[in-house]
């Protein structure tokens, strides 16, 4: 799914109004209707609702929602905050609310007076939407402080008030609404995908409000949110007369003394991801462990030739000593095909930066944030780190998979893909080794590096999500992800 910066969202609204055609007030009514149905599906028990509306179109959405909830029997008190003027559509929805439920609306100008509510009241934040470009002040900051000090459940319309759609500076965090749930309109906002904003966004859901499809198609963006329908069209079909040679031979350079598990996890994940053959290269001390744990894999001590392999992955558990550094350098010199670089391979490169220039074009690097910082420098925020990943991917002609919640894929042509699958149970030893195995298996099967990155991170996360049917986030281990890879592939194909 393509999504957009906040500066482009208003252009999409404008296009929809002009080309559907539809009046702006009717587009607002449509958005409010979608918000209303989502709200009553989640909170069906006619709980008391307190709506805090601002002077712009976000406030207009909130006032329209108040009218709809009141019509359904909810007990609603709406507070309209402003310092003088309202947007045209907010003014219209104020009039509509007063015509039908005049006792439900209170206007507060310049000074916030705290409503009297119970702890079971649901607060709806409709102060400001995604177009806000400055910190909250005066009456709006007072209202935000009151919301955050309440013990009530908070639902934000479109974006928590005070949070900006892309970059947010830490100094402004004290005046942002802390929502438990954000019902965002049409697209996620980039800020939702960064960990430092999680305390404000809470859980979020993107609601389709009918933005014109031509507007979405014709408006350029380098931001994408990977969903199942993006992945299903990439998967190849296996034909009746296929054989193991059809699906490639992957080489995994992994493991060192005491780290045989890294090679076992990577190789198992590769075999569960459809590759025809897997060869593991590691030290002699890991031979028995590896071949006992994975009898389907080949174990090889020397790397005299690499031409027979369709794809190479190097890094999990290899350490950073002189011998593995030499192996990595030799591999990078010998191959001109894309390969997968993970874990200690990245740590070696960060110690010997000249190796960056040897990485074959379109290779896939899979750092976690600390490994990324060692490679490309420290960032002050996730937004800055994203820009650095984008710049580095373009500079070196590689794909960077920056692991974490909503794993980011930065491509050589400047595109940014965020993953929709996965959970916090994946923060466990060996999870990254599993991803490496999936990626090298896909690369060996002839998928392009970009397809490999997209399919790999999505199925890695989907397998972990499926594992939660039997495990908790606390108990999840890397092997559980491997065990659900078959179900993950099947869930997408079906």
Foldseek 3Di string as FASTA:
>chain_A
DDDDAPVCVVVLLVCPCPVVPDDSLVLLLLLLVLVLVVVCVVVVPLAAEEEEAEQESLSLSRLSNQQVSVVVPHRYAYEYEDADHHPPSSVVSVVVCCVPPVVRYDYDHQADDDDDDDQAYEYEYSHDAQVDDDADDTRLQVVQVVQQPHNHAYEYEQFFPRDHLFDDDPVRVSRTHQHQEYEREQDHGNVCQFVVCCRRHRHYDYTYSCRDPVSVVVDDDLEAEDDLVVQLVQDDDDDPPDALVLQFEEEEEEAAVVQLVLVQLLQLLLVLQRHSAYEYEYDPVSVVVNCVSPVRHHYDHDPPDDVRGLEYEYAYHRDQDDVVLVVLLVVLQPDQDAYEYEHNSLVNCLVVVVCLQSHHAAHEYEEEPVSLCSNQNDDPGVSRSVVSQQVVCLVSNYWYFHDDQQTWTHGNVRHIYTYDFADLLCPEPNLVSSLNSNLSSNSRNPRRSVSSSSNSVHLSRQLRVVLCVPDPSPPDYNVSSSVSSNVSVVVSND
